[in-house]
């Protein structure tokens, strides 16, 4: 046994085995830390963005009549028996159909009718391929973009605001959904 082996606490083979075990534990601990950090980031990303307004929605009955909603755009309430299909629309939607889709867990992104084309492209990209996300122009908006879910709403200055996608990730089929598992397709409307 060499002097170096004695200083390491054993034969070369024992020291190599001990170092190998230490490296293995280091890899395990490193992987665990990476997992915890990734999980914390994912949880933070799915937390609601600041500025989300919450509203109590006391009723959710079906009606074929027009409904006068307290919020504009609406965030819930009585609605048409047929829901609006998910997708991007270039024409305003009937509130009562869109609210039914909110009840199924959708996020409804509304934008000002004079919203710039580049912003519309960004919204279309967010909606594209998503289940239970719809977007449409909405006359009379108080902000360029408003994102709504059942009982939740966020006003935004543009489609490039990261809080728009964060809102979608948080509330699309989220815990506020009154009818989880209900469809967001098979209703009315042909997205653009």
N, C-alpha and C. Protein backbone atom coordinates (compact mmCIF):
# COMPACT_ATOMS: atom_id res chain seq x y z
N UNK A 1 0.86 -1.16 0.00
CA UNK A 1 0.00 0.00 0.00
C UNK A 1 0.91 1.22 0.00
N UNK A 2 0.63 2.14 -0.90
CA UNK A 2 1.46 3.33 -1.00
C UNK A 2 1.12 4.31 0.11
N UNK A 3 1.97 5.29 0.30
CA UNK A 3 1.74 6.32 1.31
C UNK A 3 0.48 7.11 0.99
N UNK A 4 0.28 7.37 -0.31
CA UNK A 4 -0.92 8.09 -0.72
C UNK A 4 -2.19 7.30 -0.38
N UNK A 5 -2.14 5.97 -0.60
CA UNK A 5 -3.28 5.13 -0.25
C UNK A 5 -3.56 5.18 1.24
N UNK A 6 -2.48 5.18 2.05
CA UNK A 6 -2.69 5.24 3.50
C UNK A 6 -3.32 6.56 3.90
N UNK A 7 -2.90 7.67 3.24
CA UNK A 7 -3.47 8.98 3.56
C UNK A 7 -4.95 9.04 3.18
N UNK A 8 -5.32 8.36 2.12
CA UNK A 8 -6.73 8.35 1.67
C UNK A 8 -7.58 7.45 2.54
N UNK A 9 -6.93 6.63 3.33
CA UNK A 9 -7.69 5.78 4.24
C UNK A 9 -7.86 4.38 3.73
N UNK A 10 -7.01 3.89 2.90
CA UNK A 10 -7.15 2.50 2.47
C UNK A 10 -6.41 2.25 1.18
N UNK A 11 -6.67 1.11 0.62
CA UNK A 11 -6.01 0.74 -0.62
C UNK A 11 -6.57 1.59 -1.76
N UNK A 12 -5.91 1.58 -2.88
CA UNK A 12 -6.37 2.33 -4.05
C UNK A 12 -7.75 1.90 -4.47
N UNK A 13 -8.04 0.61 -4.41
CA UNK A 13 -9.34 0.11 -4.81
C UNK A 13 -10.44 0.62 -3.85
N UNK A 14 -10.15 0.60 -2.54
CA UNK A 14 -11.13 1.07 -1.57
C UNK A 14 -11.40 2.56 -1.75
N UNK A 15 -10.34 3.33 -1.98
CA UNK A 15 -10.50 4.77 -2.16
C UNK A 15 -11.31 5.05 -3.42
N UNK A 16 -11.04 4.32 -4.49
CA UNK A 16 -11.78 4.50 -5.74
C UNK A 16 -13.25 4.17 -5.54
N UNK A 17 -13.54 3.10 -4.80
CA UNK A 17 -14.92 2.71 -4.52
C UNK A 17 -15.62 3.79 -3.71
N UNK A 18 -14.91 4.33 -2.68
CA UNK A 18 -15.50 5.37 -1.84
C UNK A 18 -15.77 6.63 -2.68
N UNK A 19 -14.84 7.01 -3.52
CA UNK A 19 -15.02 8.19 -4.37
C UNK A 19 -16.18 7.96 -5.33
N UNK A 20 -16.29 6.76 -5.88
CA UNK A 20 -17.40 6.42 -6.78
C UNK A 20 -18.74 6.55 -6.08
N UNK A 21 -18.80 6.07 -4.82
CA UNK A 21 -20.05 6.19 -4.06
C UNK A 21 -20.37 7.65 -3.78
N UNK A 22 -19.35 8.43 -3.44
CA UNK A 22 -19.57 9.86 -3.18
C UNK A 22 -20.07 10.57 -4.43
N UNK A 23 -19.51 10.21 -5.58
CA UNK A 23 -19.98 10.80 -6.83
C UNK A 23 -21.43 10.38 -7.11
N UNK A 24 -21.76 9.12 -6.85
CA UNK A 24 -23.13 8.65 -7.07
C UNK A 24 -24.11 9.42 -6.20
N UNK A 25 -23.74 9.58 -4.92
CA UNK A 25 -24.62 10.34 -4.04
C UNK A 25 -24.71 11.79 -4.50
N UNK A 26 -23.61 12.33 -4.96
CA UNK A 26 -23.61 13.70 -5.48
C UNK A 26 -24.56 13.84 -6.66
N UNK A 27 -24.55 12.84 -7.54
CA UNK A 27 -25.46 12.87 -8.69
C UNK A 27 -26.92 12.76 -8.25
N UNK A 28 -27.18 11.89 -7.29
CA UNK A 28 -28.54 11.72 -6.77
C UNK A 28 -29.02 13.02 -6.13
N UNK A 29 -28.18 13.61 -5.31
CA UNK A 29 -28.56 14.87 -4.63
C UNK A 29 -28.74 15.98 -5.67
N UNK A 30 -27.85 16.04 -6.64
CA UNK A 30 -27.96 17.04 -7.70
C UNK A 30 -29.25 16.89 -8.49
N UNK A 31 -29.60 15.66 -8.82
CA UNK A 31 -30.84 15.42 -9.57
C UNK A 31 -32.06 15.80 -8.73
N UNK A 32 -32.01 15.50 -7.43
CA UNK A 32 -33.12 15.84 -6.54
C UNK A 32 -33.28 17.36 -6.46
N UNK A 33 -32.17 18.07 -6.30
CA UNK A 33 -32.23 19.54 -6.22
C UNK A 33 -32.78 20.10 -7.53
N UNK A 34 -32.32 19.58 -8.67
CA UNK A 34 -32.82 20.05 -9.97
C UNK A 34 -34.33 19.81 -10.09
N UNK A 35 -34.80 18.65 -9.62
CA UNK A 35 -36.23 18.34 -9.66
C UNK A 35 -37.02 19.33 -8.79
N UNK A 36 -36.54 19.59 -7.58
CA UNK A 36 -37.23 20.51 -6.67
C UNK A 36 -37.29 21.91 -7.27
N UNK A 37 -36.18 22.38 -7.83
CA UNK A 37 -36.14 23.71 -8.43
C UNK A 37 -37.10 23.78 -9.62
N UNK A 38 -37.10 22.76 -10.47
CA UNK A 38 -38.01 22.73 -11.63
C UNK A 38 -39.46 22.72 -11.16
N UNK A 39 -39.77 21.95 -10.11
CA UNK A 39 -41.13 21.89 -9.58
C UNK A 39 -41.55 23.25 -9.02
N UNK A 40 -40.64 23.92 -8.31
CA UNK A 40 -40.95 25.24 -7.76
C UNK A 40 -41.21 26.24 -8.89
N UNK A 41 -40.41 26.18 -9.96
CA UNK A 41 -40.62 27.08 -11.10
C UNK A 41 -41.97 26.81 -11.76
N UNK A 42 -42.32 25.53 -11.91
CA UNK A 42 -43.59 25.18 -12.52
C UNK A 42 -44.75 25.67 -11.66
N UNK A 43 -44.64 25.51 -10.35
CA UNK A 43 -45.70 25.99 -9.46
C UNK A 43 -45.82 27.50 -9.56
N UNK A 44 -44.68 28.20 -9.59
CA UNK A 44 -44.71 29.66 -9.69
C UNK A 44 -45.33 30.08 -11.02
N UNK A 45 -45.02 29.36 -12.09
CA UNK A 45 -45.56 29.69 -13.41
C UNK A 45 -47.06 29.45 -13.48
N UNK A 46 -47.59 28.52 -12.68
CA UNK A 46 -49.02 28.23 -12.73
C UNK A 46 -49.81 29.03 -11.69
N UNK A 47 -49.12 29.82 -10.90
CA UNK A 47 -49.82 30.69 -9.96
C UNK A 47 -50.41 31.86 -10.74
N UNK A 48 -51.54 32.38 -10.29
CA UNK A 48 -52.16 33.48 -11.02
C UNK A 48 -51.24 34.70 -11.08
N UNK A 49 -51.28 35.40 -12.20
CA UNK A 49 -50.51 36.64 -12.27
C UNK A 49 -51.14 37.68 -11.35
N UNK A 50 -50.36 38.66 -10.96
CA UNK A 50 -50.93 39.72 -10.12
C UNK A 50 -51.92 40.52 -10.95
N UNK A 51 -52.92 41.07 -10.29
CA UNK A 51 -53.91 41.88 -10.96
C UNK A 51 -55.17 41.15 -11.37
N UNK A 52 -55.25 39.85 -11.09
CA UNK A 52 -56.46 39.10 -11.44
C UNK A 52 -57.59 39.52 -10.51
N UNK A 53 -58.69 39.93 -11.10
CA UNK A 53 -59.88 40.26 -10.32
C UNK A 53 -60.73 39.00 -10.16
N UNK A 54 -61.32 38.84 -8.99
CA UNK A 54 -62.17 37.69 -8.72
C UNK A 54 -63.61 38.16 -8.50
N UNK A 55 -64.53 37.41 -9.06
CA UNK A 55 -65.95 37.76 -8.98
C UNK A 55 -66.74 36.55 -8.52
N UNK A 56 -67.74 36.80 -7.70
CA UNK A 56 -68.66 35.73 -7.30
C UNK A 56 -69.67 35.55 -8.44
N UNK A 57 -69.88 34.31 -8.81
CA UNK A 57 -70.85 34.00 -9.87
C UNK A 57 -71.95 33.16 -9.22
N UNK A 58 -73.06 33.80 -8.83
CA UNK A 58 -74.08 33.09 -8.04
C UNK A 58 -74.96 32.13 -8.83
N UNK A 59 -75.11 32.33 -10.15
CA UNK A 59 -76.00 31.45 -10.91
C UNK A 59 -75.30 30.95 -12.17
N UNK A 60 -75.77 29.81 -12.65
CA UNK A 60 -75.24 29.27 -13.90
C UNK A 60 -76.29 28.40 -14.58
N UNK A 61 -77.47 28.95 -14.72
CA UNK A 61 -78.57 28.24 -15.36
C UNK A 61 -78.54 28.42 -16.87
N UNK A 62 -79.16 27.48 -17.58
CA UNK A 62 -79.29 27.59 -19.04
C UNK A 62 -80.50 28.44 -19.38
N UNK A 63 -80.32 29.29 -20.39
CA UNK A 63 -81.41 30.11 -20.88
C UNK A 63 -81.18 30.42 -22.35
N UNK A 64 -82.24 30.52 -23.10
CA UNK A 64 -82.11 30.90 -24.51
C UNK A 64 -82.26 32.41 -24.68
N UNK A 65 -82.56 33.10 -23.59
CA UNK A 65 -82.72 34.56 -23.62
C UNK A 65 -81.36 35.25 -23.56
N UNK A 66 -81.35 36.53 -23.94
CA UNK A 66 -80.15 37.34 -23.75
C UNK A 66 -79.96 37.58 -22.26
N UNK A 67 -78.70 37.64 -21.84
CA UNK A 67 -78.40 37.84 -20.43
C UNK A 67 -77.66 39.16 -20.28
N UNK A 68 -78.03 39.93 -19.27
CA UNK A 68 -77.32 41.16 -18.95
C UNK A 68 -76.29 40.82 -17.87
N UNK A 69 -75.02 40.86 -18.23
CA UNK A 69 -73.94 40.47 -17.32
C UNK A 69 -73.40 41.69 -16.58
N UNK A 70 -72.95 41.47 -15.35
CA UNK A 70 -72.38 42.54 -14.54
C UNK A 70 -71.00 42.96 -15.04
N UNK A 71 -70.21 42.00 -15.53
CA UNK A 71 -68.88 42.31 -16.03
C UNK A 71 -68.91 42.33 -17.56
N UNK A 72 -68.00 43.11 -18.11
CA UNK A 72 -67.88 43.17 -19.56
C UNK A 72 -66.41 43.10 -19.93
N UNK A 73 -66.00 42.00 -20.55
CA UNK A 73 -66.72 40.79 -20.91
C UNK A 73 -67.17 40.01 -19.67
N UNK A 74 -68.16 39.17 -19.85
CA UNK A 74 -68.67 38.42 -18.71
C UNK A 74 -67.69 37.35 -18.22
N UNK A 75 -67.80 37.02 -16.94
CA UNK A 75 -66.94 35.99 -16.33
C UNK A 75 -67.75 34.81 -15.82
N UNK A 76 -69.03 34.77 -16.15
CA UNK A 76 -69.87 33.67 -15.70
C UNK A 76 -71.30 34.13 -15.50
N UNK A 77 -72.14 33.18 -15.19
CA UNK A 77 -73.55 33.47 -14.96
C UNK A 77 -74.42 32.58 -15.82
N UNK A 78 -75.68 32.93 -15.91
CA UNK A 78 -76.60 32.18 -16.76
C UNK A 78 -76.10 32.27 -18.20
N UNK A 79 -76.41 31.24 -18.98
CA UNK A 79 -75.83 31.16 -20.32
C UNK A 79 -76.68 30.28 -21.23
N UNK A 80 -76.36 30.34 -22.53
CA UNK A 80 -77.06 29.55 -23.53
C UNK A 80 -76.79 28.06 -23.29
N UNK A 81 -77.74 27.18 -23.63
CA UNK A 81 -77.51 25.75 -23.46
C UNK A 81 -76.40 25.18 -24.36
N UNK A 82 -76.02 25.92 -25.42
CA UNK A 82 -74.98 25.46 -26.34
C UNK A 82 -73.73 26.32 -26.13
N UNK A 83 -72.60 25.67 -26.00
CA UNK A 83 -71.33 26.39 -25.77
C UNK A 83 -70.69 26.79 -27.09
N UNK A 84 -69.73 27.72 -26.98
CA UNK A 84 -68.95 28.18 -28.12
C UNK A 84 -67.74 27.27 -28.27
N UNK A 85 -67.44 26.85 -29.50
CA UNK A 85 -66.26 26.03 -29.74
C UNK A 85 -64.98 26.81 -29.46
N UNK A 86 -63.97 26.13 -28.95
CA UNK A 86 -62.66 26.74 -28.74
C UNK A 86 -62.09 27.19 -30.07
N UNK A 87 -61.22 28.21 -30.02
CA UNK A 87 -60.52 28.65 -31.22
C UNK A 87 -60.42 30.16 -31.28
N UNK A 88 -59.80 30.63 -32.35
CA UNK A 88 -59.61 32.06 -32.59
C UNK A 88 -60.69 32.54 -33.55
N UNK A 89 -61.38 33.62 -33.17
CA UNK A 89 -62.45 34.18 -33.98
C UNK A 89 -62.11 35.63 -34.37
N UNK A 90 -62.51 36.00 -35.57
CA UNK A 90 -62.28 37.37 -36.04
C UNK A 90 -63.53 38.23 -35.93
N UNK A 91 -64.63 37.63 -35.51
CA UNK A 91 -65.88 38.36 -35.29
C UNK A 91 -66.29 38.19 -33.82
N UNK A 92 -67.00 39.18 -33.26
CA UNK A 92 -67.46 39.05 -31.87
C UNK A 92 -68.34 37.81 -31.69
N UNK A 93 -68.30 37.27 -30.50
CA UNK A 93 -69.08 36.08 -30.15
C UNK A 93 -70.31 36.49 -29.35
N UNK A 94 -71.27 35.61 -29.34
CA UNK A 94 -72.45 35.82 -28.49
C UNK A 94 -72.03 35.49 -27.06
N UNK A 95 -72.16 36.46 -26.16
CA UNK A 95 -71.72 36.30 -24.77
C UNK A 95 -72.24 35.01 -24.14
N UNK A 96 -73.53 34.73 -24.36
CA UNK A 96 -74.17 33.60 -23.68
C UNK A 96 -73.54 32.25 -24.06
N UNK A 97 -73.06 32.14 -25.30
CA UNK A 97 -72.40 30.90 -25.72
C UNK A 97 -70.98 30.83 -25.16
N UNK A 98 -70.27 31.96 -25.18
CA UNK A 98 -68.91 31.99 -24.65
C UNK A 98 -68.90 31.72 -23.14
N UNK A 99 -69.88 32.24 -22.43
CA UNK A 99 -69.95 32.00 -20.98
C UNK A 99 -70.16 30.52 -20.70
N UNK A 100 -70.93 29.83 -21.54
CA UNK A 100 -71.10 28.39 -21.35
C UNK A 100 -69.74 27.69 -21.48
N UNK A 101 -68.91 28.14 -22.41
CA UNK A 101 -67.58 27.55 -22.58
C UNK A 101 -66.70 27.84 -21.35
N UNK A 102 -66.86 29.03 -20.76
CA UNK A 102 -66.14 29.33 -19.51
C UNK A 102 -66.54 28.33 -18.43
N UNK A 103 -67.83 28.00 -18.38
CA UNK A 103 -68.30 27.02 -17.39
C UNK A 103 -67.60 25.67 -17.57
N UNK A 104 -67.20 25.36 -18.79
CA UNK A 104 -66.51 24.10 -19.08
C UNK A 104 -65.01 24.18 -18.81
N UNK A 105 -64.53 25.35 -18.38
CA UNK A 105 -63.11 25.49 -18.04
C UNK A 105 -62.30 26.29 -19.02
N UNK A 106 -62.96 26.96 -19.95
CA UNK A 106 -62.23 27.74 -20.97
C UNK A 106 -61.71 29.05 -20.42
N UNK A 107 -60.69 29.55 -21.11
CA UNK A 107 -60.23 30.92 -20.96
C UNK A 107 -60.66 31.63 -22.24
N UNK A 108 -61.28 32.80 -22.07
CA UNK A 108 -61.74 33.59 -23.20
C UNK A 108 -60.88 34.84 -23.27
N UNK A 109 -60.09 34.95 -24.32
CA UNK A 109 -59.25 36.13 -24.54
C UNK A 109 -60.02 37.05 -25.48
N UNK A 110 -60.34 38.24 -24.99
CA UNK A 110 -61.04 39.22 -25.82
C UNK A 110 -60.07 40.35 -26.13
N UNK A 111 -60.20 40.90 -27.33
CA UNK A 111 -59.31 41.99 -27.74
C UNK A 111 -60.14 43.08 -28.41
N UNK A 112 -59.64 44.29 -28.35
CA UNK A 112 -60.31 45.42 -28.95
C UNK A 112 -60.44 45.21 -30.46
N UNK A 113 -61.57 45.56 -31.07
CA UNK A 113 -61.74 45.36 -32.51
C UNK A 113 -60.67 46.06 -33.35
N UNK A 114 -60.09 47.16 -32.84
CA UNK A 114 -59.03 47.86 -33.59
C UNK A 114 -57.62 47.44 -33.14
N UNK A 115 -57.53 46.28 -32.50
CA UNK A 115 -56.24 45.77 -32.01
C UNK A 115 -55.31 45.56 -33.20
N UNK A 116 -54.03 45.90 -33.07
CA UNK A 116 -53.09 45.74 -34.19
C UNK A 116 -52.98 44.28 -34.66
N UNK A 117 -52.75 44.12 -35.96
CA UNK A 117 -52.67 42.79 -36.56
C UNK A 117 -51.60 41.93 -35.88
N UNK A 118 -50.46 42.51 -35.55
CA UNK A 118 -49.38 41.75 -34.90
C UNK A 118 -49.87 41.16 -33.57
N UNK A 119 -50.64 41.94 -32.81
CA UNK A 119 -51.19 41.45 -31.56
C UNK A 119 -52.18 40.31 -31.78
N UNK A 120 -52.98 40.42 -32.85
CA UNK A 120 -53.92 39.34 -33.17
C UNK A 120 -53.16 38.06 -33.50
N UNK A 121 -52.04 38.19 -34.22
CA UNK A 121 -51.22 37.01 -34.53
C UNK A 121 -50.71 36.36 -33.25
N UNK A 122 -50.28 37.19 -32.29
CA UNK A 122 -49.79 36.65 -31.02
C UNK A 122 -50.89 35.92 -30.28
N UNK A 123 -52.08 36.48 -30.26
CA UNK A 123 -53.20 35.81 -29.59
C UNK A 123 -53.55 34.52 -30.31
N UNK A 124 -53.55 34.56 -31.63
CA UNK A 124 -53.84 33.36 -32.41
C UNK A 124 -52.84 32.25 -32.06
N UNK A 125 -51.57 32.60 -31.89
CA UNK A 125 -50.54 31.62 -31.53
C UNK A 125 -50.81 31.01 -30.14
N UNK A 126 -51.26 31.83 -29.21
CA UNK A 126 -51.57 31.34 -27.86
C UNK A 126 -52.74 30.35 -27.91
N UNK A 127 -53.74 30.67 -28.72
CA UNK A 127 -54.95 29.85 -28.81
C UNK A 127 -54.73 28.58 -29.63
N UNK A 128 -53.87 28.68 -30.64
CA UNK A 128 -53.66 27.58 -31.59
C UNK A 128 -53.31 26.27 -30.88
N UNK A 129 -54.09 25.24 -31.19
CA UNK A 129 -53.83 23.90 -30.66
C UNK A 129 -54.21 23.72 -29.19
N UNK A 130 -54.81 24.71 -28.58
CA UNK A 130 -55.18 24.62 -27.17
C UNK A 130 -56.62 24.12 -27.05
N UNK A 131 -56.85 23.31 -26.04
CA UNK A 131 -58.20 22.89 -25.70
C UNK A 131 -58.77 23.90 -24.71
N UNK A 132 -59.99 24.30 -24.91
CA UNK A 132 -60.69 25.20 -23.99
C UNK A 132 -60.04 26.58 -23.87
N UNK A 133 -59.62 27.13 -24.98
CA UNK A 133 -59.18 28.53 -25.06
C UNK A 133 -59.84 29.11 -26.30
N UNK A 134 -60.49 30.25 -26.15
CA UNK A 134 -61.08 30.92 -27.29
C UNK A 134 -60.71 32.39 -27.24
N UNK A 135 -60.72 33.02 -28.40
CA UNK A 135 -60.38 34.44 -28.50
C UNK A 135 -61.28 35.08 -29.54
N UNK A 136 -61.65 36.34 -29.26
CA UNK A 136 -62.52 37.07 -30.20
C UNK A 136 -62.41 38.56 -29.91
N UNK A 137 -62.76 39.37 -30.93
CA UNK A 137 -62.86 40.80 -30.66
C UNK A 137 -64.07 41.05 -29.75
N UNK A 138 -63.99 42.13 -28.99
CA UNK A 138 -65.09 42.47 -28.08
C UNK A 138 -65.25 43.98 -28.08
N UNK A 139 -66.30 44.48 -28.72
CA UNK A 139 -66.51 45.93 -28.77
C UNK A 139 -66.65 46.54 -27.37
N UNK A 140 -66.06 47.71 -27.19
CA UNK A 140 -66.22 48.45 -25.94
C UNK A 140 -65.32 48.03 -24.81
N UNK A 141 -64.24 47.28 -25.09
CA UNK A 141 -63.31 46.88 -24.02
C UNK A 141 -62.67 48.11 -23.38
N UNK A 142 -62.42 48.04 -22.07
CA UNK A 142 -61.74 49.11 -21.36
C UNK A 142 -60.23 49.00 -21.45
N UNK A 143 -59.73 47.91 -22.02
CA UNK A 143 -58.30 47.67 -22.18
C UNK A 143 -58.09 47.01 -23.54
N UNK A 144 -56.88 47.02 -24.07
CA UNK A 144 -56.65 46.38 -25.36
C UNK A 144 -56.96 44.88 -25.36
N UNK A 145 -56.64 44.20 -24.24
CA UNK A 145 -56.86 42.75 -24.12
C UNK A 145 -57.43 42.46 -22.74
N UNK A 146 -58.40 41.56 -22.67
CA UNK A 146 -58.95 41.11 -21.39
C UNK A 146 -59.04 39.58 -21.44
N UNK A 147 -58.47 38.93 -20.45
CA UNK A 147 -58.55 37.47 -20.34
C UNK A 147 -59.55 37.14 -19.23
N UNK A 148 -60.47 36.21 -19.53
CA UNK A 148 -61.51 35.85 -18.57
C UNK A 148 -61.59 34.34 -18.42
N UNK A 149 -61.86 33.91 -17.21
CA UNK A 149 -62.19 32.53 -16.88
C UNK A 149 -63.38 32.63 -15.93
N UNK A 150 -63.95 31.51 -15.56
CA UNK A 150 -65.13 31.54 -14.69
C UNK A 150 -64.78 32.24 -13.38
N UNK A 151 -65.35 33.43 -13.16
CA UNK A 151 -65.13 34.18 -11.94
C UNK A 151 -63.80 34.90 -11.85
N UNK A 152 -63.01 34.92 -12.92
CA UNK A 152 -61.67 35.53 -12.91
C UNK A 152 -61.51 36.41 -14.14
N UNK A 153 -60.75 37.51 -13.98
CA UNK A 153 -60.51 38.38 -15.13
C UNK A 153 -59.24 39.19 -14.94
N UNK A 154 -58.54 39.42 -16.05
CA UNK A 154 -57.29 40.17 -16.05
C UNK A 154 -57.27 41.10 -17.26
N UNK A 155 -57.02 42.39 -17.02
CA UNK A 155 -56.88 43.33 -18.13
C UNK A 155 -55.40 43.48 -18.45
N UNK A 156 -55.11 43.60 -19.76
CA UNK A 156 -53.73 43.66 -20.23
C UNK A 156 -53.58 44.73 -21.29
N UNK A 157 -52.37 45.26 -21.40
CA UNK A 157 -52.09 46.28 -22.40
C UNK A 157 -51.74 45.70 -23.76
N UNK A 158 -51.40 44.42 -23.81
CA UNK A 158 -51.05 43.81 -25.09
C UNK A 158 -50.96 42.30 -25.01
N UNK A 159 -50.88 41.69 -26.18
CA UNK A 159 -50.79 40.23 -26.25
C UNK A 159 -49.41 39.72 -25.89
N UNK A 160 -48.41 40.60 -25.90
CA UNK A 160 -47.04 40.19 -25.57
C UNK A 160 -46.77 40.20 -24.06
N UNK A 161 -47.74 40.59 -23.27
CA UNK A 161 -47.59 40.57 -21.81
C UNK A 161 -47.52 39.12 -21.35
N UNK A 162 -46.43 38.70 -20.67
CA UNK A 162 -46.32 37.30 -20.23
C UNK A 162 -47.44 36.87 -19.29
N UNK A 163 -48.12 37.82 -18.68
CA UNK A 163 -49.22 37.46 -17.79
C UNK A 163 -50.42 36.88 -18.55
N UNK A 164 -50.51 37.14 -19.85
CA UNK A 164 -51.59 36.54 -20.64
C UNK A 164 -51.43 35.02 -20.69
N UNK A 165 -50.25 34.56 -21.06
CA UNK A 165 -50.03 33.11 -21.10
C UNK A 165 -50.07 32.50 -19.71
N UNK A 166 -49.62 33.24 -18.71
CA UNK A 166 -49.67 32.75 -17.34
C UNK A 166 -51.12 32.58 -16.89
N UNK A 167 -51.98 33.53 -17.27
CA UNK A 167 -53.41 33.43 -16.95
C UNK A 167 -53.99 32.18 -17.60
N UNK A 168 -53.66 31.95 -18.87
CA UNK A 168 -54.16 30.77 -19.57
C UNK A 168 -53.70 29.50 -18.85
N UNK A 169 -52.41 29.42 -18.52
CA UNK A 169 -51.88 28.21 -17.85
C UNK A 169 -52.55 27.99 -16.49
N UNK A 170 -52.86 29.06 -15.80
CA UNK A 170 -53.45 28.95 -14.46
C UNK A 170 -54.92 28.52 -14.51
N UNK A 171 -55.69 29.11 -15.42
CA UNK A 171 -57.14 28.94 -15.37
C UNK A 171 -57.73 28.03 -16.43
N UNK A 172 -57.00 27.69 -17.47
CA UNK A 172 -57.51 26.76 -18.48
C UNK A 172 -57.76 25.42 -17.81
N UNK A 173 -59.02 25.01 -17.75
CA UNK A 173 -59.44 23.78 -17.07
C UNK A 173 -58.97 23.77 -15.61
N UNK A 174 -58.93 24.96 -15.01
CA UNK A 174 -58.42 25.12 -13.65
C UNK A 174 -59.43 24.77 -12.57
N UNK A 175 -59.04 25.00 -11.32
CA UNK A 175 -59.89 24.61 -10.19
C UNK A 175 -61.19 25.41 -10.08
N UNK A 176 -61.28 26.55 -10.77
CA UNK A 176 -62.50 27.35 -10.75
C UNK A 176 -63.59 26.80 -11.67
N UNK A 177 -63.25 25.79 -12.48
CA UNK A 177 -64.16 25.24 -13.49
C UNK A 177 -65.39 24.58 -12.83
N UNK A 178 -66.60 25.10 -13.09
CA UNK A 178 -67.79 24.47 -12.51
C UNK A 178 -68.11 23.10 -13.08
N UNK A 179 -67.80 22.86 -14.36
CA UNK A 179 -68.10 21.57 -15.00
C UNK A 179 -66.83 20.95 -15.57
N UNK A 180 -65.93 20.47 -14.70
CA UNK A 180 -64.72 19.86 -15.22
C UNK A 180 -65.04 18.62 -16.05
N UNK A 181 -64.30 18.46 -17.14
CA UNK A 181 -64.50 17.31 -18.00
C UNK A 181 -65.51 17.54 -19.12
N UNK A 182 -66.20 18.68 -19.08
CA UNK A 182 -67.15 18.98 -20.16
C UNK A 182 -66.39 19.44 -21.40
N UNK A 183 -66.98 19.26 -22.56
CA UNK A 183 -66.32 19.55 -23.83
C UNK A 183 -66.25 21.04 -24.14
N UNK A 184 -65.22 21.41 -24.88
CA UNK A 184 -65.09 22.77 -25.42
C UNK A 184 -65.14 22.73 -26.95
N UNK A 185 -65.58 21.60 -27.49
CA UNK A 185 -65.81 21.44 -28.92
C UNK A 185 -67.18 20.80 -29.08
N UNK A 186 -67.70 20.77 -30.29
CA UNK A 186 -69.01 20.17 -30.53
C UNK A 186 -70.15 21.12 -30.25
N UNK A 187 -69.84 22.39 -30.03
CA UNK A 187 -70.86 23.40 -29.80
C UNK A 187 -71.13 24.20 -31.06
N UNK A 188 -71.17 25.52 -30.93
CA UNK A 188 -71.41 26.38 -32.08
C UNK A 188 -70.14 27.14 -32.43
N UNK A 189 -70.07 27.56 -33.69
CA UNK A 189 -68.98 28.42 -34.13
C UNK A 189 -67.91 27.69 -34.92
N UNK A 190 -67.41 28.39 -35.92
CA UNK A 190 -66.30 27.92 -36.74
C UNK A 190 -65.15 28.89 -36.56
N UNK A 191 -64.13 28.50 -35.80
CA UNK A 191 -62.99 29.40 -35.62
C UNK A 191 -62.35 29.78 -36.95
N UNK A 192 -61.73 30.95 -36.99
CA UNK A 192 -61.06 31.44 -38.22
C UNK A 192 -59.81 30.64 -38.52
